[in-house]
Amino acid sequence: MPAWFFLLLAVAAGCNSHTHTYDPKLRKIDELLDAHLPRGTSKDRVGFFLTTRGYKIEGSPDAHTVIAIVRHIDTETLQPSTARVIFHFDANARLISYDLQRAPDVPFQP
């Protein structure tokens, strides 16, 4: 195979290195979290980010996991999207990664 093909594959892989979901409806949430909560962010900082934005924290099944519901309105389409986000932390309470799953879009509560 030509060398340009491998270069194209490397570029394509690099573009998706921060993608935590392939669901297009959750892409904006993924971009938001990736921008504000990069790998290595402290667990306290993640909690602060979630609570100050009014996102519901469902709990922490163990010391290395936090589960939250993140709701976002896409400013381009004005469509809501909601994700159940599972944050994973290392032994030093630093963010390793997070996973997004689609959650039901429910109306905002005052």
PDB file of N, CA and C in Angstrom:
ATOM      1  N   MET A   1       0.843  -1.185   0.000  1.00  0.00           N
ATOM      2  CA  MET A   1       0.000   0.000   0.000  1.00  0.00           C
ATOM      3  C   MET A   1       0.885   1.245   0.000  1.00  0.00           C
ATOM      4  N   PRO A   2       0.394   2.306  -0.609  1.00  0.00           N
ATOM      5  CA  PRO A   2       1.186   3.534  -0.662  1.00  0.00           C
ATOM      6  C   PRO A   2       1.298   4.195   0.714  1.00  0.00           C
ATOM      7  N   ALA A   3       2.370   4.942   0.898  1.00  0.00           N
ATOM      8  CA  ALA A   3       2.635   5.601   2.173  1.00  0.00           C
ATOM      9  C   ALA A   3       1.556   6.617   2.528  1.00  0.00           C
ATOM     10  N   TRP A   4       0.967   7.279   1.531  1.00  0.00           N
ATOM     11  CA  TRP A   4      -0.068   8.277   1.807  1.00  0.00           C
ATOM     12  C   TRP A   4      -1.280   7.653   2.468  1.00  0.00           C
ATOM     13  N   PHE A   5      -1.555   6.375   2.156  1.00  0.00           N
ATOM     14  CA  PHE A   5      -2.690   5.677   2.755  1.00  0.00           C
ATOM     15  C   PHE A   5      -2.511   5.538   4.264  1.00  0.00           C
ATOM     16  N   PHE A   6      -1.302   5.178   4.686  1.00  0.00           N
ATOM     17  CA  PHE A   6      -1.026   5.026   6.112  1.00  0.00           C
ATOM     18  C   PHE A   6      -1.041   6.375   6.824  1.00  0.00           C
ATOM     19  N   LEU A   7      -0.575   7.399   6.139  1.00  0.00           N
ATOM     20  CA  LEU A   7      -0.628   8.750   6.701  1.00  0.00           C
ATOM     21  C   LEU A   7      -2.078   9.182   6.893  1.00  0.00           C
ATOM     22  N   LEU A   8      -2.934   8.899   5.938  1.00  0.00           N
ATOM     23  CA  LEU A   8      -4.357   9.224   6.038  1.00  0.00           C
ATOM     24  C   LEU A   8      -4.998   8.480   7.202  1.00  0.00           C
ATOM     25  N   LEU A   9      -4.665   7.223   7.375  1.00  0.00           N
ATOM     26  CA  LEU A   9      -5.194   6.454   8.504  1.00  0.00           C
ATOM     27  C   LEU A   9      -4.742   7.044   9.839  1.00  0.00           C
ATOM     28  N   ALA A  10      -3.488   7.455   9.921  1.00  0.00           N
ATOM     29  CA  ALA A  10      -2.972   8.042  11.162  1.00  0.00           C
ATOM     30  C   ALA A  10      -3.680   9.347  11.484  1.00  0.00           C
ATOM     31  N   VAL A  11      -3.911  10.172  10.473  1.00  0.00           N
ATOM     32  CA  VAL A  11      -4.619  11.435  10.688  1.00  0.00           C
ATOM     33  C   VAL A  11      -6.047  11.170  11.132  1.00  0.00           C
ATOM     34  N   ALA A  12      -6.721  10.225  10.486  1.00  0.00           N
ATOM     35  CA  ALA A  12      -8.101   9.896  10.838  1.00  0.00           C
ATOM     36  C   ALA A  12      -8.184   9.363  12.262  1.00  0.00           C
ATOM     37  N   ALA A  13      -7.250   8.536  12.660  1.00  0.00           N
ATOM     38  CA  ALA A  13      -7.241   7.999  14.026  1.00  0.00           C
ATOM     39  C   ALA A  13      -6.987   9.109  15.024  1.00  0.00           C
ATOM     40  N   GLY A  14      -6.124  10.038  14.701  1.00  0.00           N
ATOM     41  CA  GLY A  14      -5.835  11.158  15.590  1.00  0.00           C
ATOM     42  C   GLY A  14      -7.019  12.067  15.778  1.00  0.00           C
ATOM     43  N   CYS A  15      -7.839  12.237  14.753  1.00  0.00           N
ATOM     44  CA  CYS A  15      -9.015  13.103  14.847  1.00  0.00           C
ATOM     45  C   CYS A  15     -10.050  12.537  15.797  1.00  0.00           C
ATOM     46  N   ASN A  16     -10.111  11.229  15.929  1.00  0.00           N
ATOM     47  CA  ASN A  16     -11.112  10.611  16.791  1.00  0.00           C
ATOM     48  C   ASN A  16     -10.549  10.199  18.140  1.00  0.00           C
ATOM     49  N   SER A  17      -9.357  10.636  18.486  1.00  0.00           N
ATOM     50  CA  SER A  17      -8.726  10.166  19.712  1.00  0.00           C
ATOM     51  C   SER A  17      -9.439  10.647  20.971  1.00  0.00           C
ATOM     52  N   HIS A  18     -10.208  11.736  20.873  1.00  0.00           N
ATOM     53  CA  HIS A  18     -10.917  12.256  22.034  1.00  0.00           C
ATOM     54  C   HIS A  18     -12.403  11.942  21.992  1.00  0.00           C
ATOM     55  N   THR A  19     -12.841  11.140  21.052  1.00  0.00           N
ATOM     56  CA  THR A  19     -14.246  10.805  20.929  1.00  0.00           C
ATOM     57  C   THR A  19     -14.605   9.717  21.927  1.00  0.00           C
ATOM     58  N   HIS A  20     -15.655   9.982  22.702  1.00  0.00           N
ATOM     59  CA  HIS A  20     -16.100   9.030  23.700  1.00  0.00           C
ATOM     60  C   HIS A  20     -17.426   8.393  23.301  1.00  0.00           C
ATOM     61  N   THR A  21     -17.970   8.812  22.156  1.00  0.00           N
ATOM     62  CA  THR A  21     -19.216   8.252  21.660  1.00  0.00           C
ATOM     63  C   THR A  21     -19.258   8.401  20.149  1.00  0.00           C
ATOM     64  N   TYR A  22     -19.968   7.508  19.510  1.00  0.00           N
ATOM     65  CA  TYR A  22     -20.195   7.622  18.076  1.00  0.00           C
ATOM     66  C   TYR A  22     -21.621   8.075  17.797  1.00  0.00           C
ATOM     67  N   ASP A  23     -22.388   8.336  18.842  1.00  0.00           N
ATOM     68  CA  ASP A  23     -23.766   8.798  18.713  1.00  0.00           C
ATOM     69  C   ASP A  23     -23.759  10.278  18.340  1.00  0.00           C
ATOM     70  N   PRO A  24     -24.229  10.640  17.149  1.00  0.00           N
ATOM     71  CA  PRO A  24     -24.179  12.048  16.738  1.00  0.00           C
ATOM     72  C   PRO A  24     -24.989  12.963  17.639  1.00  0.00           C
ATOM     73  N   LYS A  25     -26.015  12.435  18.277  1.00  0.00           N
ATOM     74  CA  LYS A  25     -26.841  13.251  19.175  1.00  0.00           C
ATOM     75  C   LYS A  25     -26.065  13.644  20.437  1.00  0.00           C
ATOM     76  N   LEU A  26     -25.060  12.883  20.811  1.00  0.00           N
ATOM     77  CA  LEU A  26     -24.281  13.156  22.025  1.00  0.00           C
ATOM     78  C   LEU A  26     -22.961  13.862  21.727  1.00  0.00           C
ATOM     79  N   ARG A  27     -22.692  14.164  20.467  1.00  0.00           N
ATOM     80  CA  ARG A  27     -21.411  14.753  20.079  1.00  0.00           C
ATOM     81  C   ARG A  27     -21.135  16.080  20.800  1.00  0.00           C
ATOM     82  N   LYS A  28     -22.147  16.947  20.910  1.00  0.00           N
ATOM     83  CA  LYS A  28     -21.934  18.253  21.554  1.00  0.00           C
ATOM     84  C   LYS A  28     -21.625  18.085  23.041  1.00  0.00           C
ATOM     85  N   ILE A  29     -22.258  17.129  23.689  1.00  0.00           N
ATOM     86  CA  ILE A  29     -21.954  16.863  25.100  1.00  0.00           C
ATOM     87  C   ILE A  29     -20.526  16.365  25.229  1.00  0.00           C
ATOM     88  N   ASP A  30     -20.131  15.480  24.347  1.00  0.00           N
ATOM     89  CA  ASP A  30     -18.767  14.955  24.365  1.00  0.00           C
ATOM     90  C   ASP A  30     -17.754  16.079  24.172  1.00  0.00           C
ATOM     91  N   GLU A  31     -18.017  16.978  23.224  1.00  0.00           N
ATOM     92  CA  GLU A  31     -17.115  18.107  22.985  1.00  0.00           C
ATOM     93  C   GLU A  31     -17.037  19.023  24.204  1.00  0.00           C
ATOM     94  N   LEU A  32     -18.167  19.274  24.843  1.00  0.00           N
ATOM     95  CA  LEU A  32     -18.214  20.115  26.043  1.00  0.00           C
ATOM     96  C   LEU A  32     -17.374  19.503  27.167  1.00  0.00           C
ATOM     97  N   LEU A  33     -17.597  18.227  27.444  1.00  0.00           N
ATOM     98  CA  LEU A  33     -16.856  17.559  28.515  1.00  0.00           C
ATOM     99  C   LEU A  33     -15.370  17.474  28.203  1.00  0.00           C
ATOM    100  N   ASP A  34     -15.044  17.167  26.956  1.00  0.00           N
ATOM    101  CA  ASP A  34     -13.648  17.052  26.568  1.00  0.00           C
ATOM    102  C   ASP A  34     -12.925  18.390  26.717  1.00  0.00           C
ATOM    103  N   ALA A  35     -13.610  19.484  26.426  1.00  0.00           N
ATOM    104  CA  ALA A  35     -13.003  20.815  26.530  1.00  0.00           C
ATOM    105  C   ALA A  35     -12.794  21.246  27.982  1.00  0.00           C
ATOM    106  N   HIS A  36     -13.729  20.900  28.858  1.00  0.00           N
ATOM    107  CA  HIS A  36     -13.672  21.380  30.247  1.00  0.00           C
ATOM    108  C   HIS A  36     -13.094  20.373  31.235  1.00  0.00           C
ATOM    109  N   LEU A  37     -13.124  19.097  30.870  1.00  0.00           N
ATOM    110  CA  LEU A  37     -12.664  18.054  31.796  1.00  0.00           C
ATOM    111  C   LEU A  37     -11.673  17.116  31.098  1.00  0.00           C
ATOM    112  N   PRO A  38     -10.488  17.605  30.806  1.00  0.00           N
ATOM    113  CA  PRO A  38      -9.508  16.738  30.138  1.00  0.00           C
ATOM    114  C   PRO A  38      -9.014  15.632  31.071  1.00  0.00           C
ATOM    115  N   ARG A  39      -8.409  14.645  30.477  1.00  0.00           N
ATOM    116  CA  ARG A  39      -7.795  13.552  31.247  1.00  0.00           C
ATOM    117  C   ARG A  39      -6.863  14.152  32.295  1.00  0.00           C
ATOM    118  N   GLY A  40      -6.938  13.638  33.528  1.00  0.00           N
ATOM    119  CA  GLY A  40      -6.095  14.138  34.606  1.00  0.00           C
ATOM    120  C   GLY A  40      -6.794  15.140  35.514  1.00  0.00           C
ATOM    121  N   THR A  41      -8.006  15.566  35.149  1.00  0.00           N
ATOM    122  CA  THR A  41      -8.765  16.497  35.990  1.00  0.00           C
ATOM    123  C   THR A  41      -9.094  15.804  37.310  1.00  0.00           C
ATOM    124  N   SER A  42      -9.010  16.559  38.408  1.00  0.00           N
ATOM    125  CA  SER A  42      -9.292  15.966  39.721  1.00  0.00           C
ATOM    126  C   SER A  42     -10.777  15.632  39.866  1.00  0.00           C
ATOM    127  N   LYS A  43     -11.060  14.651  40.697  1.00  0.00           N
ATOM    128  CA  LYS A  43     -12.436  14.238  40.961  1.00  0.00           C
ATOM    129  C   LYS A  43     -13.234  15.397  41.562  1.00  0.00           C
ATOM    130  N   ASP A  44     -12.606  16.189  42.429  1.00  0.00           N
ATOM    131  CA  ASP A  44     -13.278  17.350  43.010  1.00  0.00           C
ATOM    132  C   ASP A  44     -13.652  18.358  41.934  1.00  0.00           C
ATOM    133  N   ARG A  45     -12.766  18.587  40.988  1.00  0.00           N
ATOM    134  CA  ARG A  45     -13.028  19.537  39.906  1.00  0.00           C
ATOM    135  C   ARG A  45     -14.158  19.047  39.016  1.00  0.00           C
ATOM    136  N   VAL A  46     -14.213  17.750  38.737  1.00  0.00           N
ATOM    137  CA  VAL A  46     -15.307  17.177  37.952  1.00  0.00           C
ATOM    138  C   VAL A  46     -16.624  17.397  38.689  1.00  0.00           C
ATOM    139  N   GLY A  47     -16.649  17.101  39.990  1.00  0.00           N
ATOM    140  CA  GLY A  47     -17.853  17.310  40.792  1.00  0.00           C
ATOM    141  C   GLY A  47     -18.291  18.766  40.800  1.00  0.00           C
ATOM    142  N   PHE A  48     -17.331  19.673  40.936  1.00  0.00           N
ATOM    143  CA  PHE A  48     -17.625  21.101  40.919  1.00  0.00           C
ATOM    144  C   PHE A  48     -18.221  21.517  39.576  1.00  0.00           C
ATOM    145  N   PHE A  49     -17.633  21.053  38.489  1.00  0.00           N
ATOM    146  CA  PHE A  49     -18.130  21.347  37.147  1.00  0.00           C
ATOM    147  C   PHE A  49     -19.576  20.879  36.996  1.00  0.00           C
ATOM    148  N   LEU A  50     -19.856  19.661  37.432  1.00  0.00           N
ATOM    149  CA  LEU A  50     -21.201  19.100  37.280  1.00  0.00           C
ATOM    150  C   LEU A  50     -22.225  19.860  38.115  1.00  0.00           C
ATOM    151  N   THR A  51     -21.909  20.124  39.375  1.00  0.00           N
ATOM    152  CA  THR A  51     -22.888  20.779  40.253  1.00  0.00           C
ATOM    153  C   THR A  51     -23.118  22.241  39.888  1.00  0.00           C
ATOM    154  N   THR A  52     -22.073  22.966  39.503  1.00  0.00           N
ATOM    155  CA  THR A  52     -22.264  24.376  39.162  1.00  0.00           C
ATOM    156  C   THR A  52     -23.070  24.547  37.879  1.00  0.00           C
ATOM    157  N   ARG A  53     -23.094  23.546  37.032  1.00  0.00           N
ATOM    158  CA  ARG A  53     -23.900  23.619  35.814  1.00  0.00           C
ATOM    159  C   ARG A  53     -25.283  22.998  35.996  1.00  0.00           C
ATOM    160  N   GLY A  54     -25.545  22.507  37.194  1.00  0.00           N
ATOM    161  CA  GLY A  54     -26.860  21.952  37.486  1.00  0.00           C
ATOM    162  C   GLY A  54     -27.091  20.546  36.966  1.00  0.00           C
ATOM    163  N   TYR A  55     -26.027  19.826  36.631  1.00  0.00           N
ATOM    164  CA  TYR A  55     -26.174  18.457  36.173  1.00  0.00           C
ATOM    165  C   TYR A  55     -26.391  17.547  37.377  1.00  0.00           C
ATOM    166  N   LYS A  56     -27.268  16.589  37.214  1.00  0.00           N
ATOM    167  CA  LYS A  56     -27.616  15.683  38.301  1.00  0.00           C
ATOM    168  C   LYS A  56     -26.553  14.597  38.458  1.00  0.00           C
ATOM    169  N   ILE A  57     -26.008  14.479  39.663  1.00  0.00           N
ATOM    170  CA  ILE A  57     -25.069  13.399  39.964  1.00  0.00           C
ATOM    171  C   ILE A  57     -25.886  12.248  40.527  1.00  0.00           C
ATOM    172  N   GLU A  58     -25.865  11.124  39.833  1.00  0.00           N
ATOM    173  CA  GLU A  58     -26.638   9.956  40.257  1.00  0.00           C
ATOM    174  C   GLU A  58     -25.969   9.200  41.385  1.00  0.00           C
ATOM    175  N   GLY A  59     -24.671   9.330  41.487  1.00  0.00           N
ATOM    176  CA  GLY A  59     -23.993   8.635  42.561  1.00  0.00           C
ATOM    177  C   GLY A  59     -22.605   8.190  42.180  1.00  0.00           C
ATOM    178  N   SER A  60     -21.995   7.523  43.133  1.00  0.00           N
ATOM    179  CA  SER A  60     -20.656   6.983  42.970  1.00  0.00           C
ATOM    180  C   SER A  60     -20.684   5.550  43.470  1.00  0.00           C
ATOM    181  N   PRO A  61     -20.831   4.590  42.568  1.00  0.00           N
ATOM    182  CA  PRO A  61     -20.903   3.194  42.997  1.00  0.00           C
ATOM    183  C   PRO A  61     -19.641   2.709  43.694  1.00  0.00           C
ATOM    184  N   ASP A  62     -18.512   3.385  43.435  1.00  0.00           N
ATOM    185  CA  ASP A  62     -17.259   3.063  44.114  1.00  0.00           C
ATOM    186  C   ASP A  62     -16.396   4.315  44.118  1.00  0.00           C
ATOM    187  N   ALA A  63     -15.228   4.244  44.723  1.00  0.00           N
ATOM    188  CA  ALA A  63     -14.354   5.415  44.855  1.00  0.00           C
ATOM    189  C   ALA A  63     -13.762   5.883  43.529  1.00  0.00           C
ATOM    190  N   HIS A  64     -13.857   5.060  42.503  1.00  0.00           N
ATOM    191  CA  HIS A  64     -13.226   5.383  41.229  1.00  0.00           C
ATOM    192  C   HIS A  64     -14.220   5.730  40.124  1.00  0.00           C
ATOM    193  N   THR A  65     -15.490   5.926  40.489  1.00  0.00           N
ATOM    194  CA  THR A  65     -16.526   6.167  39.487  1.00  0.00           C
ATOM    195  C   THR A  65     -17.514   7.220  39.977  1.00  0.00           C
ATOM    196  N   VAL A  66     -17.924   8.105  39.072  1.00  0.00           N
ATOM    197  CA  VAL A  66     -19.007   9.053  39.323  1.00  0.00           C
ATOM    198  C   VAL A  66     -19.937   8.963  38.120  1.00  0.00           C
ATOM    199  N   ILE A  67     -21.244   8.907  38.397  1.00  0.00           N
ATOM    200  CA  ILE A  67     -22.239   8.839  37.336  1.00  0.00           C
ATOM    201  C   ILE A  67     -23.090  10.098  37.397  1.00  0.00           C
ATOM    202  N   ALA A  68     -23.269  10.744  36.242  1.00  0.00           N
ATOM    203  CA  ALA A  68     -24.043  11.980  36.188  1.00  0.00           C
ATOM    204  C   ALA A  68     -24.926  12.001  34.946  1.00  0.00           C
ATOM    205  N   ILE A  69     -25.985  12.805  35.029  1.00  0.00           N
ATOM    206  CA  ILE A  69     -26.856  13.050  33.892  1.00  0.00           C
ATOM    207  C   ILE A  69     -26.542  14.450  33.376  1.00  0.00           C
ATOM    208  N   VAL A  70     -26.121  14.524  32.123  1.00  0.00           N
ATOM    209  CA  VAL A  70     -25.741  15.801  31.518  1.00  0.00           C
ATOM    210  C   VAL A  70     -26.739  16.110  30.408  1.00  0.00           C
ATOM    211  N   ARG A  71     -27.381  17.259  30.531  1.00  0.00           N
ATOM    212  CA  ARG A  71     -28.356  17.697  29.529  1.00  0.00           C
ATOM    213  C   ARG A  71     -27.818  18.935  28.851  1.00  0.00           C
ATOM    214  N   HIS A  72     -27.932  18.957  27.538  1.00  0.00           N
ATOM    215  CA  HIS A  72     -27.378  20.056  26.752  1.00  0.00           C
ATOM    216  C   HIS A  72     -28.349  20.418  25.632  1.00  0.00           C
ATOM    217  N   ILE A  73     -28.477  21.714  25.369  1.00  0.00           N
ATOM    218  CA  ILE A  73     -29.266  22.186  24.237  1.00  0.00           C
ATOM    219  C   ILE A  73     -28.272  22.597  23.148  1.00  0.00           C
ATOM    220  N   ASP A  74     -28.384  21.987  21.987  1.00  0.00           N
ATOM    221  CA  ASP A  74     -27.526  22.326  20.861  1.00  0.00           C
ATOM    222  C   ASP A  74     -27.950  23.700  20.354  1.00  0.00           C
ATOM    223  N   THR A  75     -27.064  24.674  20.399  1.00  0.00           N
ATOM    224  CA  THR A  75     -27.412  26.038  20.002  1.00  0.00           C
ATOM    225  C   THR A  75     -27.638  26.178  18.500  1.00  0.00           C
ATOM    226  N   GLU A  76     -27.159  25.239  17.716  1.00  0.00           N
ATOM    227  CA  GLU A  76     -27.377  25.298  16.268  1.00  0.00           C
ATOM    228  C   GLU A  76     -28.757  24.766  15.889  1.00  0.00           C
ATOM    229  N   THR A  77     -29.158  23.657  16.512  1.00  0.00           N
ATOM    230  CA  THR A  77     -30.431  23.026  16.157  1.00  0.00           C
ATOM    231  C   THR A  77     -31.527  23.286  17.186  1.00  0.00           C
ATOM    232  N   LEU A  78     -31.159  23.800  18.357  1.00  0.00           N
ATOM    233  CA  LEU A  78     -32.074  24.024  19.486  1.00  0.00           C
ATOM    234  C   LEU A  78     -32.720  22.733  19.968  1.00  0.00           C
ATOM    235  N   GLN A  79     -32.056  21.629  19.709  1.00  0.00           N
ATOM    236  CA  GLN A  79     -32.544  20.321  20.139  1.00  0.00           C
ATOM    237  C   GLN A  79     -31.820  19.885  21.411  1.00  0.00           C
ATOM    238  N   PRO A  80     -32.582  19.362  22.384  1.00  0.00           N
ATOM    239  CA  PRO A  80     -31.936  18.876  23.603  1.00  0.00           C
ATOM    240  C   PRO A  80     -31.302  17.506  23.383  1.00  0.00           C
ATOM    241  N   SER A  81     -30.276  17.236  24.144  1.00  0.00           N
ATOM    242  CA  SER A  81     -29.704  15.889  24.193  1.00  0.00           C
ATOM    243  C   SER A  81     -29.311  15.640  25.634  1.00  0.00           C
ATOM    244  N   THR A  82     -29.495  14.415  26.049  1.00  0.00           N
ATOM    245  CA  THR A  82     -29.206  14.034  27.425  1.00  0.00           C
ATOM    246  C   THR A  82     -28.354  12.773  27.421  1.00  0.00           C
ATOM    247  N   ALA A  83     -27.322  12.796  28.253  1.00  0.00           N
ATOM    248  CA  ALA A  83     -26.424  11.642  28.337  1.00  0.00           C
ATOM    249  C   ALA A  83     -26.234  11.226  29.788  1.00  0.00           C
ATOM    250  N   ARG A  84     -26.143   9.944  29.987  1.00  0.00           N
ATOM    251  CA  ARG A  84     -25.706   9.389  31.265  1.00  0.00           C
ATOM    252  C   ARG A  84     -24.206   9.208  31.102  1.00  0.00           C
ATOM    253  N   VAL A  85     -23.446   9.923  31.928  1.00  0.00           N
ATOM    254  CA  VAL A  85     -21.989   9.921  31.792  1.00  0.00           C
ATOM    255  C   VAL A  85     -21.375   9.197  32.978  1.00  0.00           C
ATOM    256  N   ILE A  86     -20.513   8.254  32.680  1.00  0.00           N
ATOM    257  CA  ILE A  86     -19.804   7.513  33.724  1.00  0.00           C
ATOM    258  C   ILE A  86     -18.350   7.961  33.668  1.00  0.00           C
ATOM    259  N   PHE A  87     -17.921   8.655  34.723  1.00  0.00           N
ATOM    260  CA  PHE A  87     -16.542   9.142  34.836  1.00  0.00           C
ATOM    261  C   PHE A  87     -15.715   8.115  35.586  1.00  0.00           C
ATOM    262  N   HIS A  88     -14.535   7.810  35.068  1.00  0.00           N
ATOM    263  CA  HIS A  88     -13.637   6.826  35.681  1.00  0.00           C
ATOM    264  C   HIS A  88     -12.377   7.537  36.176  1.00  0.00           C
ATOM    265  N   PHE A  89     -11.991   7.265  37.431  1.00  0.00           N
ATOM    266  CA  PHE A  89     -10.843   7.912  38.066  1.00  0.00           C
ATOM    267  C   PHE A  89      -9.806   6.885  38.486  1.00  0.00           C
ATOM    268  N   ASP A  90      -8.548   7.328  38.547  1.00  0.00           N
ATOM    269  CA  ASP A  90      -7.474   6.444  38.990  1.00  0.00           C
ATOM    270  C   ASP A  90      -7.366   6.482  40.526  1.00  0.00           C
ATOM    271  N   ALA A  91      -6.357   5.819  41.063  1.00  0.00           N
ATOM    272  CA  ALA A  91      -6.164   5.734  42.515  1.00  0.00           C
ATOM    273  C   ALA A  91      -5.865   7.095  43.143  1.00  0.00           C
ATOM    274  N   ASN A  92      -5.424   8.063  42.336  1.00  0.00           N
ATOM    275  CA  ASN A  92      -5.137   9.409  42.836  1.00  0.00           C
ATOM    276  C   ASN A  92      -6.293  10.377  42.603  1.00  0.00           C
ATOM    277  N   ALA A  93      -7.472   9.839  42.287  1.00  0.00           N
ATOM    278  CA  ALA A  93      -8.686  10.625  42.046  1.00  0.00           C
ATOM    279  C   ALA A  93      -8.514  11.584  40.868  1.00  0.00           C
ATOM    280  N   ARG A  94      -7.843  11.116  39.823  1.00  0.00           N
ATOM    281  CA  ARG A  94      -7.659  11.881  38.589  1.00  0.00           C
ATOM    282  C   ARG A  94      -8.452  11.195  37.477  1.00  0.00           C
ATOM    283  N   LEU A  95      -9.094  11.993  36.638  1.00  0.00           N
ATOM    284  CA  LEU A  95      -9.930  11.465  35.572  1.00  0.00           C
ATOM    285  C   LEU A  95      -9.104  10.668  34.563  1.00  0.00           C
ATOM    286  N   ILE A  96      -9.537   9.439  34.329  1.00  0.00           N
ATOM    287  CA  ILE A  96      -8.908   8.581  33.325  1.00  0.00           C
ATOM    288  C   ILE A  96      -9.685   8.714  32.009  1.00  0.00           C
ATOM    289  N   SER A  97     -11.016   8.556  32.113  1.00  0.00           N
ATOM    290  CA  SER A  97     -11.862   8.617  30.931  1.00  0.00           C
ATOM    291  C   SER A  97     -13.315   8.742  31.383  1.00  0.00           C
ATOM    292  N   TYR A  98     -14.188   8.872  30.407  1.00  0.00           N
ATOM    293  CA  TYR A  98     -15.622   8.838  30.684  1.00  0.00           C
ATOM    294  C   TYR A  98     -16.322   8.186  29.503  1.00  0.00           C
ATOM    295  N   ASP A  99     -17.493   7.635  29.785  1.00  0.00           N
ATOM    296  CA  ASP A  99     -18.320   6.986  28.768  1.00  0.00           C
ATOM    297  C   ASP A  99     -19.661   7.699  28.726  1.00  0.00           C
ATOM    298  N   LEU A 100     -20.230   7.838  27.549  1.00  0.00           N
ATOM    299  CA  LEU A 100     -21.531   8.467  27.383  1.00  0.00           C
ATOM    300  C   LEU A 100     -22.531   7.454  26.857  1.00  0.00           C
ATOM    301  N   GLN A 101     -23.735   7.509  27.411  1.00  0.00           N
ATOM    302  CA  GLN A 101     -24.841   6.689  26.930  1.00  0.00           C
ATOM    303  C   GLN A 101     -26.041   7.614  26.780  1.00  0.00           C
ATOM    304  N   ARG A 102     -26.834   7.406  25.764  1.00  0.00           N
ATOM    305  CA  ARG A 102     -28.027   8.219  25.581  1.00  0.00           C
ATOM    306  C   ARG A 102     -28.984   7.985  26.748  1.00  0.00           C
ATOM    307  N   ALA A 103     -29.577   9.073  27.246  1.00  0.00           N
ATOM    308  CA  ALA A 103     -30.553   9.012  28.329  1.00  0.00           C
ATOM    309  C   ALA A 103     -31.811   9.724  27.852  1.00  0.00           C
ATOM    310  N   PRO A 104     -32.953   9.440  28.488  1.00  0.00           N
ATOM    311  CA  PRO A 104     -34.194  10.096  28.064  1.00  0.00           C
ATOM    312  C   PRO A 104     -34.098  11.619  28.231  1.00  0.00           C
ATOM    313  N   ASP A 105     -34.618  12.354  27.240  1.00  0.00           N
ATOM    314  CA  ASP A 105     -34.692  13.803  27.329  1.00  0.00           C
ATOM    315  C   ASP A 105     -35.950  14.165  28.110  1.00  0.00           C
ATOM    316  N   VAL A 106     -35.760  14.647  29.310  1.00  0.00           N
ATOM    317  CA  VAL A 106     -36.896  15.044  30.147  1.00  0.00           C
ATOM    318  C   VAL A 106     -36.882  16.560  30.300  1.00  0.00           C
ATOM    319  N   PRO A 107     -38.043  17.177  30.494  1.00  0.00           N
ATOM    320  CA  PRO A 107     -38.081  18.634  30.649  1.00  0.00           C
ATOM    321  C   PRO A 107     -37.270  19.090  31.845  1.00  0.00           C
ATOM    322  N   PHE A 108     -36.718  20.303  31.734  1.00  0.00           N
ATOM    323  CA  PHE A 108     -35.981  20.893  32.849  1.00  0.00           C
ATOM    324  C   PHE A 108     -36.911  21.126  34.015  1.00  0.00           C
ATOM    325  N   GLN A 109     -36.423  20.910  35.210  1.00  0.00           N
ATOM    326  CA  GLN A 109     -37.182  21.163  36.432  1.00  0.00           C
ATOM    327  C   GLN A 109     -36.679  22.458  37.062  1.00  0.00           C
ATOM    328  N   PRO A 110     -37.585  23.344  37.500  1.00  0.00           N
ATOM    329  CA  PRO A 110     -37.123  24.596  38.135  1.00  0.00           C
ATOM    330  C   PRO A 110     -36.487  24.367  39.479  1.00  0.00           C
TER     331      PRO A 110
END
